[in-house]
């Protein structure tokens, strides 16, 4: 699992940031310093904690976000405009995709394609923790 994310970050950072925007060659962010309590995205239910890594990095061409969906919370059903990856780190949930629902758990990766619709809700007693990543235009 860790090597999967290292590979993704290496690809995106090497291909989408210019050397002048990162004079030290890297950006370190700690989730303990960037976490924010937020309502469920896309008109979802409940409370979540969002971690928008590298949101303030100039000209970064991708999004890398961690989100904890607390018990009873969800990401509302919405139409997808670009390729987006959801990777389940822990917990259990139910994904709704184009009118079909299926269970998801730690170790599952879901690629949502442009034009599809999806939502995700937390199930079980523990937080559903996910990484979300997509490339910006």
N, C-alpha and C. Protein backbone atom coordinates (compact mmCIF):
# COMPACT_ATOMS: atom_id res chain seq x y z
N UNK A 1 0.83 -1.19 0.00
CA UNK A 1 0.00 0.00 0.00
C UNK A 1 0.87 1.25 0.00
N UNK A 2 1.88 1.31 0.86
CA UNK A 2 2.74 2.49 0.93
C UNK A 2 3.47 2.71 -0.38
N UNK A 3 3.99 1.65 -0.99
CA UNK A 3 4.73 1.82 -2.24
C UNK A 3 3.82 2.31 -3.36
N UNK A 4 2.53 1.96 -3.32
CA UNK A 4 1.56 2.44 -4.29
C UNK A 4 1.48 3.97 -4.23
N UNK A 5 1.37 4.53 -3.04
CA UNK A 5 1.25 5.98 -2.89
C UNK A 5 2.56 6.68 -3.20
N UNK A 6 3.68 6.09 -2.87
CA UNK A 6 4.98 6.67 -3.21
C UNK A 6 5.10 6.76 -4.72
N UNK A 7 4.68 5.72 -5.44
CA UNK A 7 4.73 5.71 -6.89
C UNK A 7 3.85 6.82 -7.46
N UNK A 8 2.63 6.96 -6.96
CA UNK A 8 1.71 7.99 -7.45
C UNK A 8 2.29 9.38 -7.19
N UNK A 9 2.75 9.63 -5.97
CA UNK A 9 3.30 10.94 -5.64
C UNK A 9 4.54 11.25 -6.47
N UNK A 10 5.42 10.28 -6.66
CA UNK A 10 6.62 10.49 -7.45
C UNK A 10 6.26 10.87 -8.87
N UNK A 11 5.29 10.17 -9.46
CA UNK A 11 4.86 10.49 -10.82
C UNK A 11 4.32 11.90 -10.92
N UNK A 12 3.36 12.23 -10.06
CA UNK A 12 2.74 13.55 -10.13
C UNK A 12 3.72 14.66 -9.81
N UNK A 13 4.52 14.51 -8.80
CA UNK A 13 5.44 15.57 -8.42
C UNK A 13 6.52 15.78 -9.47
N UNK A 14 6.98 14.71 -10.10
CA UNK A 14 8.04 14.85 -11.09
C UNK A 14 7.52 15.41 -12.41
N UNK A 15 6.24 15.17 -12.73
CA UNK A 15 5.74 15.60 -14.02
C UNK A 15 4.93 16.89 -13.98
N UNK A 16 4.56 17.36 -12.80
CA UNK A 16 3.61 18.47 -12.76
C UNK A 16 4.03 19.66 -11.93
N UNK A 17 5.22 19.70 -11.39
CA UNK A 17 5.67 20.89 -10.68
C UNK A 17 6.98 21.34 -11.27
N UNK A 18 7.16 22.64 -11.37
CA UNK A 18 8.40 23.16 -11.92
C UNK A 18 9.43 23.32 -10.82
N UNK A 19 10.68 23.29 -11.19
CA UNK A 19 11.76 23.42 -10.22
C UNK A 19 11.71 24.78 -9.50
N UNK A 20 11.30 25.85 -10.20
CA UNK A 20 11.28 27.16 -9.56
C UNK A 20 10.23 27.25 -8.47
N UNK A 21 9.20 26.42 -8.49
CA UNK A 21 8.15 26.45 -7.47
C UNK A 21 8.53 25.65 -6.23
N UNK A 22 9.59 24.90 -6.28
CA UNK A 22 9.99 24.09 -5.14
C UNK A 22 11.50 24.20 -4.93
N UNK A 23 11.96 25.36 -4.49
CA UNK A 23 13.41 25.58 -4.37
C UNK A 23 14.10 24.57 -3.47
N UNK A 24 13.41 24.02 -2.48
CA UNK A 24 14.04 23.05 -1.61
C UNK A 24 13.88 21.63 -2.13
N UNK A 25 13.13 21.43 -3.21
CA UNK A 25 12.99 20.12 -3.82
C UNK A 25 11.89 19.26 -3.22
N UNK A 26 11.23 19.72 -2.20
CA UNK A 26 10.13 18.94 -1.62
C UNK A 26 9.23 19.85 -0.80
N UNK A 27 8.05 19.33 -0.50
CA UNK A 27 7.12 20.01 0.41
C UNK A 27 6.66 18.97 1.42
N UNK A 28 6.81 19.26 2.68
CA UNK A 28 6.37 18.38 3.74
C UNK A 28 5.14 18.98 4.40
N UNK A 29 4.08 18.19 4.49
CA UNK A 29 2.91 18.62 5.23
C UNK A 29 2.51 17.51 6.18
N UNK A 30 2.08 17.91 7.37
CA UNK A 30 1.68 16.95 8.39
C UNK A 30 0.16 17.03 8.57
N UNK A 31 -0.47 15.87 8.54
CA UNK A 31 -1.94 15.88 8.63
C UNK A 31 -2.42 16.51 9.93
N UNK A 32 -1.63 16.40 10.99
CA UNK A 32 -2.04 17.00 12.27
C UNK A 32 -2.15 18.52 12.18
N UNK A 33 -1.52 19.11 11.17
CA UNK A 33 -1.54 20.57 11.02
C UNK A 33 -2.53 21.06 9.97
N UNK A 34 -3.09 20.17 9.16
CA UNK A 34 -3.97 20.63 8.08
C UNK A 34 -5.39 20.09 8.16
N UNK A 35 -5.67 19.19 9.09
CA UNK A 35 -7.00 18.59 9.19
C UNK A 35 -8.06 19.62 9.56
N UNK A 36 -9.22 19.51 8.89
CA UNK A 36 -10.33 20.42 9.15
C UNK A 36 -11.64 19.63 9.23
N UNK A 37 -12.43 19.92 10.24
CA UNK A 37 -13.77 19.34 10.34
C UNK A 37 -14.63 19.98 9.26
N UNK A 38 -15.33 19.13 8.49
CA UNK A 38 -16.15 19.62 7.38
C UNK A 38 -17.42 18.78 7.27
N UNK A 39 -18.48 19.36 6.70
CA UNK A 39 -19.65 18.54 6.42
C UNK A 39 -19.32 17.57 5.29
N UNK A 40 -20.14 16.55 5.13
CA UNK A 40 -19.94 15.61 4.03
C UNK A 40 -19.93 16.35 2.70
N UNK A 41 -18.90 16.15 1.87
CA UNK A 41 -18.82 16.85 0.58
C UNK A 41 -19.99 16.50 -0.35
N UNK A 42 -20.24 17.36 -1.29
CA UNK A 42 -21.30 17.15 -2.30
C UNK A 42 -22.65 16.92 -1.63
N UNK A 43 -22.94 17.73 -0.62
CA UNK A 43 -24.20 17.64 0.12
C UNK A 43 -24.37 16.31 0.83
N UNK A 44 -23.25 15.72 1.26
CA UNK A 44 -23.31 14.47 2.01
C UNK A 44 -23.76 14.71 3.44
N UNK A 45 -23.98 13.63 4.15
CA UNK A 45 -24.44 13.69 5.53
C UNK A 45 -23.28 13.74 6.51
N UNK A 46 -23.59 14.19 7.72
CA UNK A 46 -22.67 14.09 8.85
C UNK A 46 -21.45 14.97 8.77
N UNK A 47 -20.47 14.59 9.61
CA UNK A 47 -19.23 15.34 9.75
C UNK A 47 -18.06 14.49 9.29
N UNK A 48 -17.15 15.11 8.57
CA UNK A 48 -15.93 14.45 8.12
C UNK A 48 -14.73 15.28 8.56
N UNK A 49 -13.56 14.69 8.45
CA UNK A 49 -12.32 15.45 8.62
C UNK A 49 -11.57 15.37 7.31
N UNK A 50 -11.28 16.53 6.73
CA UNK A 50 -10.57 16.59 5.45
C UNK A 50 -9.14 17.04 5.63
N UNK A 51 -8.25 16.43 4.87
CA UNK A 51 -6.82 16.75 4.87
C UNK A 51 -6.43 17.04 3.42
N UNK A 52 -6.39 18.30 3.04
CA UNK A 52 -6.05 18.68 1.66
C UNK A 52 -4.55 18.94 1.57
N UNK A 53 -3.82 17.88 1.28
CA UNK A 53 -2.37 18.00 1.19
C UNK A 53 -1.98 18.83 -0.03
N UNK A 54 -1.01 19.71 0.16
CA UNK A 54 -0.40 20.52 -0.89
C UNK A 54 -1.37 21.49 -1.58
N UNK A 55 -2.46 21.83 -0.91
CA UNK A 55 -3.46 22.72 -1.49
C UNK A 55 -2.91 24.11 -1.80
N UNK A 56 -1.86 24.54 -1.09
CA UNK A 56 -1.30 25.87 -1.29
C UNK A 56 -0.05 25.88 -2.17
N UNK A 57 0.28 24.74 -2.77
CA UNK A 57 1.46 24.68 -3.63
C UNK A 57 1.10 25.24 -5.00
N UNK A 58 1.84 26.26 -5.42
CA UNK A 58 1.58 26.94 -6.68
C UNK A 58 1.76 25.99 -7.88
N UNK A 59 0.80 26.02 -8.78
CA UNK A 59 0.84 25.30 -10.07
C UNK A 59 0.89 23.78 -9.93
N UNK A 60 0.51 23.24 -8.81
CA UNK A 60 0.43 21.78 -8.67
C UNK A 60 -0.76 21.30 -9.47
N UNK A 61 -0.59 20.30 -10.28
CA UNK A 61 -1.60 19.87 -11.24
C UNK A 61 -2.39 18.65 -10.79
N UNK A 62 -2.39 18.36 -9.51
CA UNK A 62 -3.21 17.25 -9.03
C UNK A 62 -3.65 17.51 -7.59
N UNK A 63 -4.67 16.78 -7.19
CA UNK A 63 -5.20 16.86 -5.83
C UNK A 63 -4.88 15.56 -5.12
N UNK A 64 -4.40 15.67 -3.89
CA UNK A 64 -4.12 14.52 -3.05
C UNK A 64 -4.74 14.82 -1.70
N UNK A 65 -5.79 14.11 -1.35
CA UNK A 65 -6.58 14.44 -0.17
C UNK A 65 -6.89 13.17 0.62
N UNK A 66 -6.84 13.30 1.92
CA UNK A 66 -7.30 12.25 2.82
C UNK A 66 -8.59 12.74 3.44
N UNK A 67 -9.55 11.84 3.62
CA UNK A 67 -10.80 12.22 4.26
C UNK A 67 -11.24 11.09 5.18
N UNK A 68 -11.60 11.45 6.39
CA UNK A 68 -12.18 10.50 7.35
C UNK A 68 -13.68 10.77 7.41
N UNK A 69 -14.47 9.78 7.02
CA UNK A 69 -15.92 9.87 7.14
C UNK A 69 -16.28 9.25 8.47
N UNK A 70 -16.74 10.07 9.38
CA UNK A 70 -17.09 9.62 10.72
C UNK A 70 -18.45 8.89 10.67
N UNK A 71 -18.76 8.08 11.68
CA UNK A 71 -20.02 7.32 11.67
C UNK A 71 -21.21 8.20 11.30
N UNK A 72 -21.97 7.71 10.33
CA UNK A 72 -23.15 8.41 9.85
C UNK A 72 -22.91 9.42 8.75
N UNK A 73 -21.66 9.58 8.30
CA UNK A 73 -21.37 10.60 7.28
C UNK A 73 -21.24 9.97 5.89
N UNK A 74 -21.26 10.85 4.90
CA UNK A 74 -21.18 10.39 3.51
C UNK A 74 -20.66 11.49 2.60
N UNK A 75 -20.23 11.07 1.43
CA UNK A 75 -19.96 11.96 0.31
C UNK A 75 -21.18 11.84 -0.59
N UNK A 76 -21.88 12.94 -0.83
CA UNK A 76 -23.12 12.91 -1.59
C UNK A 76 -22.94 12.41 -3.02
N UNK A 77 -24.01 11.87 -3.56
CA UNK A 77 -24.03 11.36 -4.93
C UNK A 77 -23.86 12.53 -5.89
N UNK A 78 -22.89 12.43 -6.80
CA UNK A 78 -22.60 13.53 -7.72
C UNK A 78 -22.00 13.00 -9.02
N UNK A 79 -22.08 13.81 -10.06
CA UNK A 79 -21.53 13.45 -11.37
C UNK A 79 -20.04 13.77 -11.41
N UNK A 80 -19.27 12.86 -11.97
CA UNK A 80 -17.82 12.99 -12.06
C UNK A 80 -17.42 13.72 -13.33
N UNK A 81 -16.48 14.68 -13.20
CA UNK A 81 -16.04 15.46 -14.36
C UNK A 81 -14.66 15.03 -14.88
N UNK A 82 -13.90 14.26 -14.09
CA UNK A 82 -12.55 13.83 -14.47
C UNK A 82 -12.27 12.49 -13.81
N UNK A 83 -11.21 11.82 -14.24
CA UNK A 83 -10.79 10.58 -13.57
C UNK A 83 -10.41 10.90 -12.13
N UNK A 84 -10.90 10.07 -11.22
CA UNK A 84 -10.63 10.28 -9.80
C UNK A 84 -10.48 8.91 -9.15
N UNK A 85 -9.49 8.79 -8.26
CA UNK A 85 -9.25 7.55 -7.54
C UNK A 85 -9.63 7.72 -6.08
N UNK A 86 -10.42 6.78 -5.57
CA UNK A 86 -10.69 6.67 -4.14
C UNK A 86 -9.94 5.42 -3.68
N UNK A 87 -9.13 5.55 -2.65
CA UNK A 87 -8.43 4.39 -2.08
C UNK A 87 -8.86 4.28 -0.62
N UNK A 88 -9.40 3.12 -0.24
CA UNK A 88 -9.90 2.91 1.11
C UNK A 88 -8.75 2.48 2.02
N UNK A 89 -8.44 3.33 3.00
CA UNK A 89 -7.37 3.04 3.95
C UNK A 89 -7.85 2.19 5.12
N UNK A 90 -9.04 2.50 5.65
CA UNK A 90 -9.56 1.75 6.79
C UNK A 90 -11.07 1.96 6.87
N UNK A 91 -11.71 1.06 7.61
CA UNK A 91 -13.15 1.13 7.79
C UNK A 91 -13.90 0.43 6.67
N UNK A 92 -15.21 0.58 6.72
CA UNK A 92 -16.07 -0.03 5.69
C UNK A 92 -17.06 1.02 5.21
N UNK A 93 -17.52 0.82 3.99
CA UNK A 93 -18.46 1.75 3.41
C UNK A 93 -19.28 1.10 2.32
N UNK A 94 -20.14 1.92 1.76
CA UNK A 94 -20.96 1.49 0.63
C UNK A 94 -20.83 2.55 -0.46
N UNK A 95 -20.38 2.12 -1.63
CA UNK A 95 -20.20 3.01 -2.77
C UNK A 95 -21.43 2.88 -3.66
N UNK A 96 -21.97 4.01 -4.07
CA UNK A 96 -23.04 4.04 -5.06
C UNK A 96 -22.41 4.52 -6.36
N UNK A 97 -22.58 3.75 -7.42
CA UNK A 97 -21.96 4.08 -8.70
C UNK A 97 -22.96 3.82 -9.81
N UNK A 98 -23.40 4.89 -10.45
CA UNK A 98 -24.32 4.78 -11.58
C UNK A 98 -25.54 3.92 -11.26
N UNK A 99 -26.10 4.12 -10.09
CA UNK A 99 -27.32 3.43 -9.70
C UNK A 99 -27.12 2.07 -9.05
N UNK A 100 -25.89 1.61 -8.94
CA UNK A 100 -25.57 0.33 -8.31
C UNK A 100 -24.78 0.60 -7.03
N UNK A 101 -25.01 -0.19 -5.99
CA UNK A 101 -24.24 -0.04 -4.76
C UNK A 101 -23.44 -1.30 -4.49
N UNK A 102 -22.29 -1.12 -3.86
CA UNK A 102 -21.45 -2.27 -3.51
C UNK A 102 -20.62 -1.90 -2.28
N UNK A 103 -20.26 -2.90 -1.47
CA UNK A 103 -19.46 -2.63 -0.27
C UNK A 103 -18.00 -2.36 -0.63
N UNK A 104 -17.35 -1.52 0.19
CA UNK A 104 -15.92 -1.25 0.04
C UNK A 104 -15.26 -1.36 1.41
N UNK A 105 -13.97 -1.71 1.38
CA UNK A 105 -13.22 -1.89 2.63
C UNK A 105 -11.76 -1.57 2.38
N UNK A 106 -10.97 -1.59 3.43
CA UNK A 106 -9.54 -1.29 3.35
C UNK A 106 -8.88 -2.11 2.25
N UNK A 107 -8.07 -1.43 1.43
CA UNK A 107 -7.36 -2.08 0.34
C UNK A 107 -8.07 -1.97 -1.00
N UNK A 108 -9.31 -1.48 -1.02
CA UNK A 108 -10.04 -1.31 -2.27
C UNK A 108 -9.68 0.02 -2.91
N UNK A 109 -9.52 0.02 -4.23
CA UNK A 109 -9.30 1.24 -5.00
C UNK A 109 -10.41 1.33 -6.04
N UNK A 110 -11.03 2.50 -6.15
CA UNK A 110 -12.12 2.70 -7.08
C UNK A 110 -11.74 3.85 -8.00
N UNK A 111 -11.76 3.60 -9.29
CA UNK A 111 -11.52 4.63 -10.30
C UNK A 111 -12.88 5.08 -10.82
N UNK A 112 -13.20 6.35 -10.65
CA UNK A 112 -14.44 6.89 -11.21
C UNK A 112 -14.07 7.66 -12.47
N UNK A 113 -14.79 7.39 -13.54
CA UNK A 113 -14.48 7.98 -14.85
C UNK A 113 -15.40 9.17 -15.13
N UNK A 114 -14.97 10.07 -16.00
CA UNK A 114 -15.80 11.22 -16.35
C UNK A 114 -17.16 10.77 -16.88
N UNK A 115 -18.20 11.47 -16.44
CA UNK A 115 -19.56 11.17 -16.87
C UNK A 115 -20.29 10.20 -15.97
N UNK A 116 -19.57 9.51 -15.09
CA UNK A 116 -20.23 8.60 -14.16
C UNK A 116 -20.70 9.39 -12.94
N UNK A 117 -21.58 8.79 -12.16
CA UNK A 117 -22.05 9.40 -10.93
C UNK A 117 -21.77 8.47 -9.77
N UNK A 118 -21.40 9.05 -8.63
CA UNK A 118 -21.06 8.22 -7.49
C UNK A 118 -21.23 8.96 -6.17
N UNK A 119 -21.29 8.20 -5.10
CA UNK A 119 -21.32 8.70 -3.74
C UNK A 119 -20.77 7.62 -2.84
N UNK A 120 -20.43 7.97 -1.61
CA UNK A 120 -19.84 7.00 -0.69
C UNK A 120 -20.36 7.28 0.71
N UNK A 121 -20.79 6.22 1.40
CA UNK A 121 -21.21 6.42 2.79
C UNK A 121 -20.48 5.46 3.70
N UNK A 122 -20.22 5.95 4.89
CA UNK A 122 -19.55 5.18 5.92
C UNK A 122 -20.55 4.18 6.49
N UNK A 123 -20.09 2.96 6.74
CA UNK A 123 -20.90 1.95 7.42
C UNK A 123 -20.04 1.37 8.54
N UNK A 124 -20.63 0.68 9.45
CA UNK A 124 -19.85 0.10 10.54
C UNK A 124 -19.65 1.09 11.67
N UNK A 125 -18.84 0.67 12.64
CA UNK A 125 -18.65 1.50 13.84
C UNK A 125 -17.42 2.41 13.78
N UNK A 126 -16.49 2.13 12.88
CA UNK A 126 -15.26 2.93 12.78
C UNK A 126 -15.32 3.90 11.61
N UNK A 127 -14.48 4.94 11.68
CA UNK A 127 -14.37 5.88 10.56
C UNK A 127 -14.01 5.14 9.27
N UNK A 128 -14.54 5.63 8.16
CA UNK A 128 -14.12 5.19 6.83
C UNK A 128 -13.09 6.21 6.37
N UNK A 129 -11.83 5.79 6.21
CA UNK A 129 -10.75 6.71 5.87
C UNK A 129 -10.29 6.41 4.45
N UNK A 130 -10.24 7.46 3.63
CA UNK A 130 -9.91 7.29 2.21
C UNK A 130 -8.87 8.31 1.77
N UNK A 131 -8.14 7.96 0.71
CA UNK A 131 -7.35 8.91 -0.05
C UNK A 131 -8.09 9.16 -1.34
N UNK A 132 -8.11 10.41 -1.78
CA UNK A 132 -8.71 10.79 -3.05
C UNK A 132 -7.65 11.52 -3.84
N UNK A 133 -7.51 11.16 -5.11
CA UNK A 133 -6.53 11.83 -5.95
C UNK A 133 -7.08 11.98 -7.37
N UNK A 134 -6.82 13.15 -7.94
CA UNK A 134 -7.18 13.39 -9.34
C UNK A 134 -6.29 14.49 -9.90
N UNK A 135 -6.15 14.47 -11.21
CA UNK A 135 -5.32 15.44 -11.89
C UNK A 135 -6.18 16.65 -12.30
N UNK A 136 -5.61 17.82 -12.19
CA UNK A 136 -6.29 19.05 -12.61
C UNK A 136 -5.89 19.39 -14.03
N UNK A 137 -6.73 20.13 -14.71
CA UNK A 137 -6.41 20.55 -16.08
C UNK A 137 -5.34 21.60 -16.10
